[in-house]
Amino acid sequence: MITRILLTITLALCAGLFSQALAQHRDHLTAQEVDLVKEAQVLDKRVEVFIKAADRRLMVINNSAGANAKQLKKDSERWGELPAGSRAELVADIARILDEAITNIDDVSARDERNPLIGKSLRKLAAAVNTIMGQLKPLSAEAKSDAEIASFELLNEDAQSILEAATRLPPEVEKKAKKNK
C-alpha cells in the first residue's frame, strides 16, 4: 500500500518536473494566441481561444493543414502561422493549453461560483477534449520517446480532470423562446 502511494507521488513529481522543463524551453501559445487570450475577457470566449489553439496543434500533429488550407488562409492574419514542433512538444502544448483553460475556469469559479459561464465553458471544453483525445488516442499507443510518453500522460491527466469536472455539472437548462405577442 505504501509502495503504491510512493510510486504515485514519484510519478506525479516526475510529470510535474517534465512539464516545468518543457515550459522553460517552449511557450505553449504563440504570441498572436497570447494576444487573443488577453483580448477575450469573457470566460466562454477565452475558452474558445484555448480550444482553437489546441485544435491548431492537433492539425499539425495530424498533418491535416492541407485539407484545411482555405480556413488556414482565412485565420492566418488573426491567428498567425501554425505552431511548429515535434509531436511530443505539440502534445505537451495541448496539455498546457488545457491546463491554462482549467485555471481560467477555476479562477472565475473562485470569484463567482454561480457564474453561468462556468458551466457553458466547461461543457465546451469537455466536448473539445473528447474530440482531441479521440484523435490522439491512436497516436499515444505509438509513443516511443520518454518525452512523448510524458506529454501524452500529462495530456491524459488534464483531459480526465476536465471530463470529471464536466460530469459534476448540473444538467444544462434549456431556455424557452419567448413568444412575441
Protein backbone atom coordinates (compact mmCIF):
# COMPACT_ATOMS: atom_id res chain seq x y z
CA MET A 1 0.00 0.00 0.00
CA ILE A 2 2.73 2.46 0.99
CA THR A 3 4.78 1.42 -2.03
CA ARG A 4 1.85 2.24 -4.31
CA ILE A 5 1.43 5.66 -2.71
CA LEU A 6 5.14 6.42 -3.02
CA LEU A 7 5.12 5.29 -6.64
CA THR A 8 2.13 7.52 -7.39
CA ILE A 9 3.77 10.51 -5.74
CA THR A 10 7.04 9.84 -7.61
CA LEU A 11 5.23 9.64 -10.95
CA ALA A 12 3.32 12.84 -10.22
CA LEU A 13 6.54 14.66 -9.32
CA CYS A 14 8.28 13.38 -12.46
CA ALA A 15 5.40 14.54 -14.64
CA GLY A 16 5.49 17.92 -12.91
CA LEU A 17 9.24 18.27 -13.40
CA PHE A 18 8.93 17.28 -17.05
CA SER A 19 6.18 19.84 -17.50
CA GLN A 20 8.33 22.55 -15.89
CA ALA A 21 11.32 21.61 -18.04
CA LEU A 22 9.28 21.91 -21.21
CA ALA A 23 7.74 25.19 -20.07
CA GLN A 24 11.21 26.69 -19.62
CA HIS A 25 12.17 25.87 -23.21
CA ARG A 26 8.97 26.50 -25.11
CA ASP A 27 5.87 28.65 -24.90
CA HIS A 28 2.68 26.67 -25.37
CA LEU A 29 0.93 29.58 -27.11
CA THR A 30 2.20 31.71 -29.98
CA ALA A 31 2.47 35.47 -29.47
CA GLN A 32 -0.70 36.04 -31.51
CA GLU A 33 -2.58 33.43 -29.49
CA VAL A 34 -1.48 35.11 -26.26
CA ASP A 35 -2.88 38.39 -27.60
CA LEU A 36 -6.18 36.70 -28.46
CA VAL A 37 -6.39 35.24 -24.95
CA LYS A 38 -5.79 38.69 -23.48
CA GLU A 39 -8.47 40.21 -25.73
CA ALA A 40 -11.04 37.57 -24.74
CA GLN A 41 -12.11 38.90 -21.36
CA VAL A 42 -15.29 36.82 -21.11
CA LEU A 43 -14.69 33.26 -19.88
CA ASP A 44 -16.51 31.36 -22.62
CA LYS A 45 -14.77 33.38 -25.36
CA ARG A 46 -11.40 32.82 -23.70
CA VAL A 47 -12.05 29.07 -23.53
CA GLU A 48 -12.92 29.17 -27.24
CA VAL A 49 -9.49 30.70 -27.91
CA PHE A 50 -7.82 27.90 -25.94
CA ILE A 51 -9.82 25.30 -27.85
CA LYS A 52 -8.87 26.82 -31.20
CA ALA A 53 -5.20 26.96 -30.14
CA ALA A 54 -5.31 23.27 -29.20
CA ASP A 55 -7.05 22.45 -32.49
CA ARG A 56 -4.28 24.20 -34.41
CA ARG A 57 -1.69 21.95 -32.78
CA LEU A 58 -3.85 18.93 -33.46
CA MET A 59 -3.96 19.96 -37.11
CA VAL A 60 -0.16 19.99 -37.24
CA ILE A 61 0.10 16.63 -35.44
CA ASN A 62 -2.42 15.02 -37.83
CA ASN A 63 -0.80 16.76 -40.82
CA SER A 64 -4.23 17.97 -41.91
CA ALA A 65 -3.20 21.53 -42.73
CA GLY A 66 -3.58 20.84 -46.47
CA ALA A 67 -7.18 19.74 -46.04
CA ASN A 68 -7.91 22.93 -44.11
CA ALA A 69 -5.92 25.31 -46.36
CA LYS A 70 -8.87 27.61 -47.07
CA GLN A 71 -9.65 28.02 -43.35
CA LEU A 72 -5.96 28.46 -42.52
CA LYS A 73 -5.62 31.26 -45.04
CA LYS A 74 -8.66 32.94 -43.53
CA ASP A 75 -7.32 32.55 -39.98
CA SER A 76 -3.66 33.35 -40.69
CA GLU A 77 -3.98 37.10 -40.24
CA ARG A 78 -5.61 36.80 -36.83
CA TRP A 79 -4.00 33.59 -35.54
CA GLY A 80 -0.66 33.63 -37.36
CA GLU A 81 1.21 30.66 -38.73
CA LEU A 82 0.60 27.20 -37.39
CA PRO A 83 2.86 26.29 -34.47
CA ALA A 84 5.83 24.07 -35.18
CA GLY A 85 7.48 21.40 -33.11
CA SER A 86 7.85 17.70 -32.57
CA ARG A 87 4.84 15.58 -31.77
CA ALA A 88 5.95 15.45 -28.12
CA GLU A 89 6.20 19.25 -27.98
CA LEU A 90 2.83 19.79 -29.65
CA VAL A 91 1.08 17.28 -27.37
CA ALA A 92 2.71 18.97 -24.35
CA ASP A 93 1.48 22.33 -25.73
CA ILE A 94 -2.07 20.97 -25.89
CA ALA A 95 -1.78 19.70 -22.33
CA ARG A 96 -0.58 23.09 -21.08
CA ILE A 97 -3.31 24.87 -23.06
CA LEU A 98 -5.94 22.65 -21.40
CA ASP A 99 -4.29 23.30 -18.05
CA GLU A 100 -4.50 27.05 -18.64
CA ALA A 101 -8.17 26.72 -19.59
CA ILE A 102 -8.79 24.80 -16.35
CA THR A 103 -7.02 27.53 -14.39
CA ASN A 104 -9.15 30.23 -16.03
CA ILE A 105 -12.37 28.36 -15.21
CA ASP A 106 -11.17 27.78 -11.63
CA ASP A 107 -10.31 31.47 -11.23
CA VAL A 108 -13.79 32.57 -12.30
CA SER A 109 -15.34 29.89 -10.11
CA ALA A 110 -13.38 31.11 -7.08
CA ARG A 111 -14.71 34.64 -7.56
CA ASP A 112 -18.29 33.75 -8.51
CA GLU A 113 -19.23 30.08 -8.38
CA ARG A 114 -22.74 30.87 -9.66
CA ASN A 115 -21.46 32.43 -12.87
CA PRO A 116 -23.42 30.77 -15.71
CA LEU A 117 -20.39 30.97 -18.00
CA ILE A 118 -18.56 28.38 -15.90
CA GLY A 119 -20.86 25.54 -16.92
CA LYS A 120 -21.06 26.75 -20.50
CA SER A 121 -17.27 27.00 -20.77
CA LEU A 122 -16.67 23.65 -19.09
CA ARG A 123 -19.14 21.93 -21.42
CA LYS A 124 -17.39 23.44 -24.47
CA LEU A 125 -14.02 22.40 -23.12
CA ALA A 126 -15.21 18.86 -22.35
CA ALA A 127 -16.60 18.48 -25.87
CA ALA A 128 -13.28 19.68 -27.32
CA VAL A 129 -11.35 17.31 -25.05
CA ASN A 130 -13.43 14.37 -26.28
CA THR A 131 -12.54 15.29 -29.86
CA ILE A 132 -8.87 15.85 -29.09
CA MET A 133 -8.49 12.63 -27.14
CA GLY A 134 -10.34 10.68 -29.81
CA GLN A 135 -7.83 11.85 -32.40
CA LEU A 136 -4.74 11.45 -30.22
CA LYS A 137 -5.53 8.10 -28.59
CA PRO A 138 -4.18 6.05 -31.53
CA LEU A 139 -1.01 8.18 -31.57
CA SER A 140 -0.43 7.75 -27.84
CA ALA A 141 -0.06 4.00 -28.36
CA GLU A 142 2.73 4.72 -30.87
CA ALA A 143 4.68 6.99 -28.48
CA LYS A 144 8.25 5.79 -28.13
CA SER A 145 10.39 8.51 -26.57
CA ASP A 146 10.20 9.37 -22.89
CA ALA A 147 9.29 12.96 -23.74
CA GLU A 148 6.42 11.86 -25.94
CA ILE A 149 5.11 9.36 -23.37
CA ALA A 150 5.28 12.02 -20.65
CA SER A 151 3.46 14.51 -22.89
CA PHE A 152 0.64 12.06 -23.52
CA GLU A 153 0.42 11.27 -19.78
CA LEU A 154 0.20 14.98 -18.95
CA LEU A 155 -2.48 15.46 -21.60
CA ASN A 156 -4.43 12.49 -20.30
CA GLU A 157 -4.35 13.86 -16.73
CA ASP A 158 -5.71 17.24 -17.85
CA ALA A 159 -8.34 15.60 -20.05
CA GLN A 160 -9.53 13.35 -17.22
CA SER A 161 -9.71 16.34 -14.89
CA ILE A 162 -11.86 18.27 -17.36
CA LEU A 163 -14.16 15.34 -18.13
CA GLU A 164 -14.58 14.55 -14.43
CA ALA A 165 -15.48 18.15 -13.65
CA ALA A 166 -17.96 18.21 -16.53
CA THR A 167 -19.75 15.14 -15.17
CA ARG A 168 -20.37 17.01 -11.91
CA LEU A 169 -22.18 19.84 -13.67
CA PRO A 170 -25.92 20.03 -13.23
CA PRO A 171 -27.96 19.28 -16.35
CA GLU A 172 -27.99 22.09 -18.84
CA VAL A 173 -31.14 24.18 -18.63
CA GLU A 174 -32.70 24.88 -22.00
CA LYS A 175 -34.02 28.36 -22.41
CA LYS A 176 -37.52 28.62 -23.74
CA ALA A 177 -38.05 31.03 -26.60
CA LYS A 178 -40.24 33.96 -25.66
CA LYS A 179 -43.39 34.27 -27.68
CA ASN A 180 -43.92 37.57 -29.42
CA LYS A 181 -47.41 38.93 -28.88
